[in-house]
């Protein structure tokens, strides 16, 4: 009985300590994301631009030349005796072969050849860096909230829709087209 009460007390105390740590700056939930202070922080939704690497596949041709010879002509017939091991004593376990004739023909190559080009399909992967926009929710204090700005958005760039959250939204800035 005492052990059960003691375990219940320890469990309840650890839950309370855990809940208190989550609500303080030690837990990290309600403190400022930029400076770390705990002065009246509130959730702020702002647009962030990040550079994303995208692999692009480029296809192309590689040309290779090769020669295709003309027809060759048969020439002399040749003959040779192979497996002629009469003078040698075979080792134990070696197969005993009988001598036989090996016949082949010499060929006269053509004096004409044509050059052809074959095209091989080749692939190359290029990596491009492109801007990527996303909305992030941060806990910021009043001092840091005035410093935090949303990303600069060029005219004509589509950005993700504003998320449906219970937070203050820092508007996205648009780039001016005038040159100074």
Protein backbone atom coordinates (compact mmCIF):
# COMPACT_ATOMS: atom_id res chain seq x y z
CA UNK A 1 0.00 0.00 0.00
CA UNK A 2 2.82 2.40 0.94
CA UNK A 3 4.70 1.51 -2.25
CA UNK A 4 1.62 2.26 -4.39
CA UNK A 5 1.10 5.66 -2.73
CA UNK A 6 4.78 6.51 -3.09
CA UNK A 7 4.75 5.56 -6.81
CA UNK A 8 1.61 7.63 -7.39
CA UNK A 9 3.19 10.63 -5.61
CA UNK A 10 6.43 10.36 -7.66
CA UNK A 11 4.47 9.99 -10.91
CA UNK A 12 2.26 13.01 -10.11
CA UNK A 13 5.27 15.13 -9.12
CA UNK A 14 7.16 14.26 -12.32
CA UNK A 15 4.13 15.18 -14.45
CA UNK A 16 3.85 18.55 -12.67
CA UNK A 17 7.58 19.28 -13.10
CA UNK A 18 7.38 18.35 -16.77
CA UNK A 19 4.38 20.64 -17.32
CA UNK A 20 6.12 23.53 -15.52
CA UNK A 21 9.28 23.09 -17.59
CA UNK A 22 7.26 23.23 -20.81
CA UNK A 23 5.71 26.56 -19.80
CA UNK A 24 9.01 28.22 -18.82
CA UNK A 25 11.96 29.24 -20.94
CA UNK A 26 13.69 25.97 -20.01
CA UNK A 27 11.08 24.07 -21.98
CA UNK A 28 11.49 26.40 -24.97
CA UNK A 29 7.83 26.65 -25.96
CA UNK A 30 6.93 30.18 -24.79
CA UNK A 31 10.27 31.97 -25.18
CA UNK A 32 11.38 34.17 -28.08
CA UNK A 33 12.81 32.22 -31.01
CA UNK A 34 15.34 34.97 -31.84
CA UNK A 35 16.66 36.34 -28.52
CA UNK A 36 15.41 33.68 -26.05
CA UNK A 37 13.72 36.12 -23.64
CA UNK A 38 10.35 35.36 -22.06
CA UNK A 39 8.74 38.85 -22.29
CA UNK A 40 5.14 38.61 -23.53
CA UNK A 41 5.91 36.34 -26.48
CA UNK A 42 3.24 35.65 -29.04
CA UNK A 43 3.01 33.45 -32.11
CA UNK A 44 3.94 35.16 -35.37
CA UNK A 45 3.50 33.70 -38.83
CA UNK A 46 6.04 34.92 -41.39
CA UNK A 47 7.09 34.04 -44.91
CA UNK A 48 10.61 32.61 -45.24
CA UNK A 49 12.59 32.22 -48.46
CA UNK A 50 15.05 29.36 -48.61
CA UNK A 51 17.30 28.22 -51.41
CA UNK A 52 16.37 24.75 -52.64
CA UNK A 53 18.56 22.54 -54.84
CA UNK A 54 16.71 20.96 -57.77
CA UNK A 55 18.22 18.33 -60.06
CA UNK A 56 17.53 18.93 -63.76
CA UNK A 57 18.11 16.13 -66.28
CA UNK A 58 19.60 17.28 -69.59
CA UNK A 59 19.53 14.90 -72.57
CA UNK A 60 21.88 15.09 -75.53
CA UNK A 61 23.70 13.11 -78.18
CA UNK A 62 27.29 11.96 -78.30
CA UNK A 63 28.61 11.10 -81.76
CA UNK A 64 31.04 8.23 -82.28
CA UNK A 65 32.66 7.30 -85.61
CA UNK A 66 33.30 3.68 -86.59
CA UNK A 67 34.45 1.82 -89.72
CA UNK A 68 32.40 -0.81 -91.51
CA UNK A 69 34.64 -2.84 -93.80
CA UNK A 70 33.61 -4.17 -97.16
CA UNK A 71 33.30 -7.90 -97.86
CA UNK A 72 36.40 -10.03 -97.35
CA UNK A 73 37.37 -12.98 -99.53
CA UNK A 74 38.43 -16.51 -98.58
CA UNK A 75 42.00 -17.47 -99.38
CA UNK A 76 44.12 -20.49 -98.55
CA UNK A 77 42.97 -23.44 -96.50
CA UNK A 78 45.24 -24.20 -93.53
CA UNK A 79 45.61 -27.36 -91.48
CA UNK A 80 47.42 -28.10 -88.25
CA UNK A 81 47.70 -31.13 -85.99
CA UNK A 82 46.61 -30.41 -82.41
CA UNK A 83 46.59 -32.44 -79.18
CA UNK A 84 49.71 -34.24 -80.39
CA UNK A 85 51.14 -35.34 -77.06
CA UNK A 86 52.86 -38.53 -78.30
CA UNK A 87 56.25 -37.60 -76.88
CA UNK A 88 54.85 -36.49 -73.49
CA UNK A 89 53.80 -38.72 -70.69
CA UNK A 90 50.41 -37.66 -69.30
CA UNK A 91 50.17 -36.85 -65.60
CA UNK A 92 47.89 -38.84 -63.40
CA UNK A 93 44.32 -37.53 -63.64
CA UNK A 94 44.87 -35.70 -66.97
CA UNK A 95 42.57 -36.72 -69.80
CA UNK A 96 44.11 -38.69 -72.61
CA UNK A 97 43.54 -36.86 -75.90
CA UNK A 98 43.89 -38.22 -79.37
CA UNK A 99 45.60 -36.06 -81.99
CA UNK A 100 43.31 -34.49 -84.58
CA UNK A 101 43.45 -31.93 -87.36
CA UNK A 102 42.45 -28.29 -86.86
CA UNK A 103 41.39 -26.72 -90.15
CA UNK A 104 40.82 -23.03 -90.87
CA UNK A 105 40.83 -20.66 -93.75
CA UNK A 106 42.79 -17.42 -94.24
CA UNK A 107 40.70 -14.45 -95.29
CA UNK A 108 41.71 -11.45 -97.35
CA UNK A 109 40.23 -8.28 -95.88
CA UNK A 110 38.54 -5.77 -98.12
CA UNK A 111 40.44 -2.70 -99.18
CA UNK A 112 37.32 -0.59 -98.90
CA UNK A 113 35.69 0.59 -95.69
CA UNK A 114 33.04 3.18 -94.96
CA UNK A 115 32.95 5.54 -92.00
CA UNK A 116 29.63 5.75 -90.18
CA UNK A 117 28.63 7.80 -87.19
CA UNK A 118 26.49 6.43 -84.41
CA UNK A 119 24.67 8.71 -82.01
CA UNK A 120 24.49 7.66 -78.39
CA UNK A 121 21.84 9.13 -76.11
CA UNK A 122 23.56 10.66 -73.07
CA UNK A 123 22.21 12.06 -69.81
CA UNK A 124 23.67 14.83 -67.65
CA UNK A 125 22.30 15.99 -64.31
CA UNK A 126 22.63 19.71 -63.49
CA UNK A 127 21.82 21.07 -60.04
CA UNK A 128 20.07 24.43 -59.95
CA UNK A 129 19.40 26.58 -56.91
CA UNK A 130 15.89 28.06 -56.86
CA UNK A 131 14.06 30.11 -54.24
CA UNK A 132 11.49 28.24 -52.18
CA UNK A 133 8.93 30.01 -49.97
CA UNK A 134 7.21 28.62 -46.88
CA UNK A 135 5.29 29.99 -43.91
CA UNK A 136 6.74 29.40 -40.45
CA UNK A 137 5.19 29.97 -37.04
CA UNK A 138 7.55 31.44 -34.43
CA UNK A 139 7.20 32.68 -30.86
CA UNK A 140 8.59 36.23 -30.79
CA UNK A 141 8.72 38.98 -28.19
CA UNK A 142 7.57 42.53 -29.07
CA UNK A 143 11.16 43.74 -29.57
CA UNK A 144 12.09 40.94 -31.99
CA UNK A 145 8.72 41.05 -33.74
CA UNK A 146 9.48 44.55 -35.02
CA UNK A 147 12.86 43.32 -36.36
CA UNK A 148 11.54 40.14 -37.97
CA UNK A 149 10.52 40.62 -41.58
CA UNK A 150 8.97 38.31 -44.08
CA UNK A 151 10.89 37.33 -47.18
CA UNK A 152 11.23 39.68 -50.13
CA UNK A 153 8.99 38.44 -52.95
CA UNK A 154 9.77 39.37 -56.55
CA UNK A 155 6.81 40.52 -58.69
CA UNK A 156 5.09 37.63 -60.47
CA UNK A 157 6.34 34.94 -58.08
CA UNK A 158 3.64 32.71 -56.66
CA UNK A 159 3.89 32.10 -52.93
CA UNK A 160 2.09 29.55 -50.76
CA UNK A 161 -1.25 30.54 -49.26
CA UNK A 162 -1.31 32.07 -45.80
CA UNK A 163 -1.83 29.27 -43.27
CA UNK A 164 -4.98 29.21 -41.15
CA UNK A 165 -3.41 29.60 -37.69
CA UNK A 166 -4.20 31.61 -34.61
CA UNK A 167 -1.16 33.89 -34.92
CA UNK A 168 -0.23 37.39 -36.01
CA UNK A 169 0.82 37.37 -39.69
CA UNK A 170 3.84 39.40 -40.84
CA UNK A 171 3.01 40.46 -44.41
CA UNK A 172 5.30 39.51 -47.26
CA UNK A 173 7.30 42.38 -48.78
CA UNK A 174 7.22 42.88 -52.55
CA UNK A 175 10.27 44.05 -54.45
CA UNK A 176 9.98 47.43 -56.15
CA UNK A 177 10.65 47.58 -59.87
CA UNK A 178 12.22 51.06 -59.84
CA UNK A 179 15.97 51.32 -60.15
CA UNK A 180 17.74 53.86 -57.94
